[in-house]
Amino acid sequence: MSALRFRKLGKIFDPREHALPNDCVEFAQSPQALVFDEFVRVYFCTRSVDAKNGKYLSHVCFVDMARDFKSVIRVADRPVLPLGALGCFDEHGIFPLNVVRHGDAVLGYTCGWSRRVAVSVETAIGLAHSRDQGVTFERIGDGPVLAASMREPYLVGDGFVRIIGGVFHMWYIFGTAWKRPTPESPAERTYKIGHATSADGVNWTKEEGRRIVADRIGPDESQALPTVVEVGGRHHMFFCYRQSVDFRKNRDRGYRLGHAWSDDLVTWTRDDESPGLEGTPGSWDSDMICYPNTFECGGQVYLLYNGNEFGRHGFGLALLER
């Protein structure tokens, strides 16, 4: 099959150029689009600093952009959802938020973060809904709808949901191990992409432990943030992947975009010739491309993505060339 080629349109949002709530000044991670008739709302995760310990807290905000993506109409003046209560799975952050329309509501699938002691974090997937077209969200409950289980005992997160043929499909990531590169170093996590289905979007059946996308760079490849779009009758998944250690500042081991395709939503064939996006030397995405989100708008297919330092300096946009 021929590769799907995306053409980069450049960085379209820089959080440093706008007033963000909760004293957030940087980061616009994991952009996720919700298309309206007159604009496109892009949710993103930004960060504040916890005054108690100096660590980051991740909040979800949004920016409304004109449908040509050349101008900003509005930036949220508060997070769309408060962080979880004391001891809950999303107490210390929400990253990312995936949105999908269902009837007259907008469903928001969250990835909640909570700090741990032996390892840095635990994550799980929660659900909130919005009745005001995605300006604010309310949890359906304080606990997650998808979490670690017997055959997936480590963190679960990055849920991406689409309703296909009346069935809710979720692609998500699940941890396969925590490892210490050296006895003195912090533990690092490895995770793969999995799949779950649901009749109502709340109660999910996981394909426990099944890794649906093959590794390209070995068993320590970490795969993150799957996004699925249908093009020409075939389902295409874009995601990002990296080595599990020494990835934060080493561009050769950091995030890049991967691709797989399927005709039946069961079997996925890895084909990283798509989307054909590479970093631009000396630019905001020179060392890293990560956290993709695909969506359709005005008969076109677009891909949002982050660049260097995991989205510290904003997000860009690419257009599928037919």
Protein backbone atom coordinates (compact mmCIF):
# COMPACT_ATOMS: atom_id res chain seq x y z
CA MET A 1 0.00 0.00 0.00
CA SER A 2 1.13 3.57 -0.58
CA ALA A 3 2.03 5.69 2.42
CA LEU A 4 -0.22 8.45 3.69
CA ARG A 5 1.69 11.70 3.42
CA PHE A 6 1.04 14.65 5.71
CA ARG A 7 2.30 18.14 4.96
CA LYS A 8 3.35 20.21 7.96
CA LEU A 9 1.51 23.54 8.28
CA GLY A 10 3.68 24.74 11.14
CA LYS A 11 3.17 25.48 14.81
CA ILE A 12 -0.30 26.93 15.37
CA PHE A 13 -0.38 27.46 19.16
CA ASP A 14 2.30 28.54 21.62
CA PRO A 15 1.16 28.63 25.28
CA ARG A 16 3.76 31.27 26.13
CA GLU A 17 1.87 33.77 23.98
CA HIS A 18 -1.42 33.48 25.90
CA ALA A 19 -2.68 33.92 29.45
CA LEU A 20 -3.37 30.46 30.85
CA PRO A 21 -5.31 29.74 34.06
CA ASN A 22 -3.92 28.27 37.30
CA ASP A 23 -0.58 30.07 36.86
CA CYS A 24 0.31 27.82 33.94
CA VAL A 25 2.90 29.41 31.66
CA GLU A 26 4.18 26.58 29.48
CA PHE A 27 3.16 23.26 27.93
CA ALA A 28 0.26 22.55 25.59
CA GLN A 29 0.52 18.77 25.50
CA SER A 30 -1.59 16.21 23.68
CA PRO A 31 -3.81 18.47 21.53
CA GLN A 32 -7.21 16.85 20.86
CA ALA A 33 -9.71 18.38 18.43
CA LEU A 34 -13.48 18.84 18.67
CA VAL A 35 -14.89 20.29 15.44
CA PHE A 36 -17.73 22.84 15.40
CA ASP A 37 -19.45 24.49 12.45
CA GLU A 38 -17.59 27.77 12.90
CA PHE A 39 -14.41 26.84 14.78
CA VAL A 40 -12.30 23.98 16.09
CA ARG A 41 -11.82 23.54 19.82
CA VAL A 42 -8.46 22.01 20.69
CA TYR A 43 -8.03 20.63 24.20
CA PHE A 44 -4.53 20.50 25.59
CA CYS A 45 -2.81 19.75 28.87
CA THR A 46 -0.79 22.42 30.57
CA ARG A 47 1.10 22.45 33.86
CA SER A 48 1.27 24.34 37.10
CA VAL A 49 3.72 23.81 39.93
CA ASP A 50 2.53 22.25 43.17
CA ALA A 51 3.64 24.70 45.85
CA LYS A 52 3.87 21.88 48.40
CA ASN A 53 6.68 20.01 46.66
CA GLY A 54 7.66 21.82 43.47
CA LYS A 55 6.31 19.05 41.22
CA TYR A 56 4.05 19.55 38.23
CA LEU A 57 0.26 19.29 38.20
CA SER A 58 -1.37 18.75 34.79
CA HIS A 59 -4.59 20.60 33.90
CA VAL A 60 -6.83 20.45 30.80
CA CYS A 61 -7.64 23.70 28.99
CA PHE A 62 -8.68 24.51 25.42
CA VAL A 63 -8.18 26.98 22.62
CA ASP A 64 -10.84 27.79 20.01
CA MET A 65 -9.34 28.37 16.58
CA ALA A 66 -10.78 29.51 13.28
CA ARG A 67 -11.30 26.60 10.91
CA ASP A 68 -8.34 27.76 8.80
CA PHE A 69 -6.21 27.43 11.98
CA LYS A 70 -4.66 30.85 11.40
CA SER A 71 -6.22 32.74 14.30
CA VAL A 72 -7.12 32.18 17.94
CA ILE A 73 -10.68 33.02 18.91
CA ARG A 74 -10.64 32.12 22.59
CA VAL A 75 -8.47 30.52 25.24
CA ALA A 76 -10.15 28.88 28.24
CA ASP A 77 -9.99 30.99 31.39
CA ARG A 78 -10.10 27.93 33.67
CA PRO A 79 -9.47 24.19 33.39
CA VAL A 80 -12.41 22.26 31.96
CA LEU A 81 -12.28 19.77 34.84
CA PRO A 82 -10.78 20.11 38.32
CA LEU A 83 -8.20 17.62 39.51
CA GLY A 84 -9.39 14.57 41.42
CA ALA A 85 -10.05 14.46 45.14
CA LEU A 86 -7.47 13.45 47.73
CA GLY A 87 -6.39 9.87 47.12
CA CYS A 88 -8.19 9.50 43.77
CA PHE A 89 -6.53 8.20 40.62
CA ASP A 90 -6.40 11.69 39.06
CA GLU A 91 -5.33 13.67 42.12
CA HIS A 92 -2.09 14.96 40.58
CA GLY A 93 -2.96 15.48 36.95
CA ILE A 94 -5.08 14.80 33.89
CA PHE A 95 -3.17 14.12 30.69
CA PRO A 96 -4.54 13.62 28.09
CA LEU A 97 -8.27 14.29 27.56
CA ASN A 98 -9.87 12.59 24.56
CA VAL A 99 -13.27 13.91 23.45
CA VAL A 100 -16.05 12.29 21.43
CA ARG A 101 -19.61 13.41 20.72
CA HIS A 102 -22.42 11.10 21.80
CA GLY A 103 -25.99 12.32 21.39
CA ASP A 104 -26.28 15.80 22.87
CA ALA A 105 -23.27 15.31 25.16
CA VAL A 106 -19.52 15.47 24.73
CA LEU A 107 -17.73 12.59 26.44
CA GLY A 108 -14.27 13.22 27.82
CA TYR A 109 -12.00 10.26 28.50
CA THR A 110 -9.32 11.32 30.94
CA CYS A 111 -5.96 9.87 31.83
CA GLY A 112 -5.55 10.50 35.54
CA TRP A 113 -2.15 10.62 37.22
CA SER A 114 -1.35 9.96 40.88
CA ARG A 115 2.08 9.88 42.49
CA ARG A 116 3.56 6.78 44.03
CA VAL A 117 6.65 5.98 46.11
CA ALA A 118 8.57 3.05 44.59
CA VAL A 119 7.74 4.25 41.07
CA SER A 120 6.86 7.78 40.01
CA VAL A 121 3.20 7.46 38.98
CA GLU A 122 0.14 5.31 38.48
CA THR A 123 -2.41 6.13 35.77
CA ALA A 124 -5.92 5.04 34.83
CA ILE A 125 -8.68 6.16 32.46
CA GLY A 126 -11.71 8.06 33.72
CA LEU A 127 -14.85 9.46 32.11
CA ALA A 128 -16.49 12.86 32.34
CA HIS A 129 -19.32 14.37 30.31
CA SER A 130 -20.16 17.88 29.17
CA ARG A 131 -23.59 19.40 28.60
CA ASP A 132 -22.30 22.81 27.49
CA GLN A 133 -20.54 21.74 24.28
CA GLY A 134 -17.25 20.98 25.95
CA VAL A 135 -16.64 24.17 27.92
CA THR A 136 -16.82 22.30 31.24
CA PHE A 137 -16.93 18.62 32.17
CA GLU A 138 -18.26 16.68 35.14
CA ARG A 139 -17.02 13.26 36.23
CA ILE A 140 -19.48 10.38 36.16
CA GLY A 141 -17.72 9.13 39.29
CA ASP A 142 -14.50 9.53 41.26
CA GLY A 143 -13.01 6.27 40.05
CA PRO A 144 -11.73 5.09 36.65
CA VAL A 145 -13.59 3.18 33.93
CA LEU A 146 -10.41 1.36 32.84
CA ALA A 147 -7.46 0.58 35.08
CA ALA A 148 -4.77 -1.96 35.87
CA SER A 149 -5.96 -5.55 36.09
CA MET A 150 -4.67 -9.10 36.54
CA ARG A 151 -3.00 -9.38 33.11
CA GLU A 152 -2.28 -5.66 32.81
CA PRO A 153 -0.94 -4.99 36.31
CA TYR A 154 0.79 -1.69 35.62
CA LEU A 155 -0.44 1.70 34.54
CA VAL A 156 -3.27 2.10 31.99
CA GLY A 157 -3.87 5.36 30.11
CA ASP A 158 -4.01 7.40 26.89
CA GLY A 159 -7.51 6.26 25.94
CA PHE A 160 -8.69 7.24 22.45
CA VAL A 161 -12.35 6.46 21.72
CA ARG A 162 -14.33 6.26 18.52
CA ILE A 163 -17.88 4.98 18.00
CA ILE A 164 -17.92 2.69 14.97
CA GLY A 165 -21.04 0.77 13.93
CA GLY A 166 -22.69 1.57 17.26
CA VAL A 167 -19.80 0.06 19.24
CA PHE A 168 -17.42 2.08 21.41
CA HIS A 169 -13.82 1.26 20.56
CA MET A 170 -10.98 2.37 22.80
CA TRP A 171 -7.30 2.19 21.96
CA TYR A 172 -5.17 2.74 25.03
CA ILE A 173 -1.76 1.98 26.48
CA PHE A 174 -0.90 -0.48 29.23
CA GLY A 175 2.36 -0.89 31.10
CA THR A 176 4.38 -4.05 30.65
CA ALA A 177 7.16 -3.34 33.14
CA TRP A 178 8.93 -0.90 35.42
CA LYS A 179 12.72 -1.22 35.28
CA ARG A 180 15.70 0.53 36.84
CA PRO A 181 18.47 1.14 34.26
CA THR A 182 20.93 1.09 37.17
CA PRO A 183 20.37 0.21 40.85
CA GLU A 184 20.60 3.90 41.75
CA SER A 185 18.43 5.37 38.98
CA PRO A 186 14.67 6.00 39.04
CA ALA A 187 12.45 3.30 37.56
CA GLU A 188 11.30 3.82 33.96
CA ARG A 189 8.13 2.38 32.43
CA THR A 190 7.45 0.52 29.20
CA TYR A 191 3.98 0.44 27.66
CA LYS A 192 2.20 -0.94 24.60
CA ILE A 193 -1.05 -0.23 22.76
CA GLY A 194 -4.15 -2.30 23.59
CA HIS A 195 -7.83 -2.36 22.60
CA ALA A 196 -11.15 -2.48 24.45
CA THR A 197 -14.83 -2.33 23.43
CA SER A 198 -18.02 -1.20 25.11
CA ALA A 199 -21.74 -1.00 24.39
CA ASP A 200 -22.27 2.14 26.49
CA GLY A 201 -18.89 3.86 26.77
CA VAL A 202 -18.76 3.16 30.52
CA ASN A 203 -18.34 -0.61 30.97
CA TRP A 204 -15.39 -1.86 28.96
CA THR A 205 -14.07 -5.27 27.93
CA LYS A 206 -10.31 -5.29 27.42
CA GLU A 207 -8.42 -7.68 25.23
CA GLU A 208 -6.25 -8.38 28.26
CA GLY A 209 -2.55 -8.13 27.58
CA ARG A 210 -2.80 -8.24 23.77
CA ARG A 211 -0.27 -5.97 22.12
CA ILE A 212 -1.94 -4.94 18.91
CA VAL A 213 0.98 -3.05 17.33
CA ALA A 214 4.31 -4.76 16.66
CA ASP A 215 7.54 -3.29 18.05
CA ARG A 216 9.96 -1.64 15.68
CA ILE A 217 12.93 -0.85 17.93
CA GLY A 218 12.81 -3.85 20.24
CA PRO A 219 10.97 -5.06 23.34
CA ASP A 220 11.75 -1.87 25.29
CA GLU A 221 9.85 0.25 22.78
CA SER A 222 7.22 2.39 24.52
CA GLN A 223 4.14 3.23 22.43
CA ALA A 224 1.89 6.13 23.40
CA LEU A 225 -1.22 8.11 22.50
CA PRO A 226 -2.90 6.13 19.69
CA THR A 227 -5.31 7.98 17.41
CA VAL A 228 -7.41 6.33 14.69
CA VAL A 229 -8.94 7.74 11.52
CA GLU A 230 -10.62 6.11 8.53
CA VAL A 231 -9.23 7.00 5.10
CA GLY A 232 -10.44 5.31 1.94
CA GLY A 233 -12.30 2.59 3.84
CA ARG A 234 -9.22 1.58 5.85
CA HIS A 235 -8.51 2.35 9.51
CA HIS A 236 -5.21 4.11 10.19
CA MET A 237 -3.63 4.42 13.61
CA PHE A 238 -0.99 7.01 14.37
CA PHE A 239 0.91 6.98 17.65
CA CYS A 240 4.29 7.95 19.04
CA TYR A 241 7.03 5.63 20.23
CA ARG A 242 10.42 5.84 21.92
CA GLN A 243 13.01 3.91 23.85
CA SER A 244 12.11 3.35 27.50
CA VAL A 245 15.30 4.88 28.93
CA ASP A 246 17.46 7.90 28.06
CA PHE A 247 14.69 9.42 25.97
CA ARG A 248 14.15 12.83 27.55
CA LYS A 249 17.17 14.64 26.10
CA ASN A 250 18.59 12.12 23.63
CA ARG A 251 16.90 12.86 20.30
CA ASP A 252 17.95 9.47 18.89
CA ARG A 253 15.94 7.70 21.61
CA GLY A 254 13.06 10.18 21.91
CA TYR A 255 9.55 10.20 20.53
CA ARG A 256 8.78 9.91 16.83
CA LEU A 257 5.55 9.07 15.01
CA GLY A 258 4.50 5.55 14.11
CA HIS A 259 1.67 4.16 12.00
CA ALA A 260 -0.35 0.96 11.61
CA TRP A 261 -3.38 0.09 9.50
CA SER A 262 -6.28 -2.35 9.77
CA ASP A 263 -9.24 -3.43 7.67
CA ASP A 264 -11.11 -5.13 10.52
CA LEU A 265 -10.10 -3.24 13.72
CA VAL A 266 -8.56 -6.50 14.96
CA THR A 267 -5.34 -7.12 13.04
CA TRP A 268 -2.98 -4.17 12.67
CA THR A 269 -0.05 -3.99 10.26
CA ARG A 270 2.83 -1.71 11.23
CA ASP A 271 3.92 0.65 8.46
CA ASP A 272 5.95 3.61 9.67
CA GLU A 273 6.39 5.11 6.20
CA SER A 274 3.26 7.07 7.11
CA PRO A 275 2.78 9.87 8.05
CA GLY A 276 6.15 10.92 6.68
CA LEU A 277 6.67 13.70 9.24
CA GLU A 278 10.20 14.57 10.31
CA GLY A 279 11.47 17.30 12.59
CA THR A 280 12.75 20.53 11.05
CA PRO A 281 16.38 21.20 12.04
CA GLY A 282 16.70 24.16 14.36
CA SER A 283 12.95 24.42 14.82
CA TRP A 284 10.48 23.74 17.64
CA ASP A 285 10.09 20.09 16.54
CA SER A 286 13.71 19.36 15.60
CA ASP A 287 14.34 16.75 18.29
CA MET A 288 10.94 15.21 18.95
CA ILE A 289 7.51 14.66 17.37
CA CYS A 290 4.90 13.19 19.68
CA TYR A 291 1.29 13.01 20.93
CA PRO A 292 -0.61 12.91 17.60
CA ASN A 293 -4.35 13.46 17.16
CA THR A 294 -6.14 12.94 13.84
CA PHE A 295 -9.47 14.51 12.92
CA GLU A 296 -11.59 15.51 9.93
CA CYS A 297 -12.62 19.09 9.19
CA GLY A 298 -14.10 20.52 5.99
CA GLY A 299 -13.48 17.33 4.04
CA GLN A 300 -9.80 17.26 5.00
CA VAL A 301 -7.87 15.05 7.41
CA TYR A 302 -5.54 16.81 9.83
CA LEU A 303 -2.99 15.69 12.39
CA LEU A 304 -2.14 17.69 15.50
CA TYR A 305 1.16 16.98 17.23
CA ASN A 306 3.66 18.22 19.79
CA GLY A 307 7.35 18.90 19.31
CA ASN A 308 10.41 19.25 21.50
CA GLU A 309 10.30 18.76 25.27
CA PHE A 310 6.96 16.94 25.16
CA GLY A 311 4.94 19.97 24.07
CA ARG A 312 6.52 22.64 26.26
CA HIS A 313 6.35 25.13 23.38
CA GLY A 314 2.97 24.26 21.92
CA PHE A 315 1.56 22.20 19.08
CA GLY A 316 1.57 22.11 15.31
CA LEU A 317 -0.68 20.88 12.52
CA ALA A 318 -0.24 18.74 9.42
CA LEU A 319 -2.60 18.15 6.48
CA LEU A 320 -3.12 14.83 4.72
CA GLU A 321 -2.25 15.24 1.06
CA ARG A 322 -4.79 13.38 -1.03
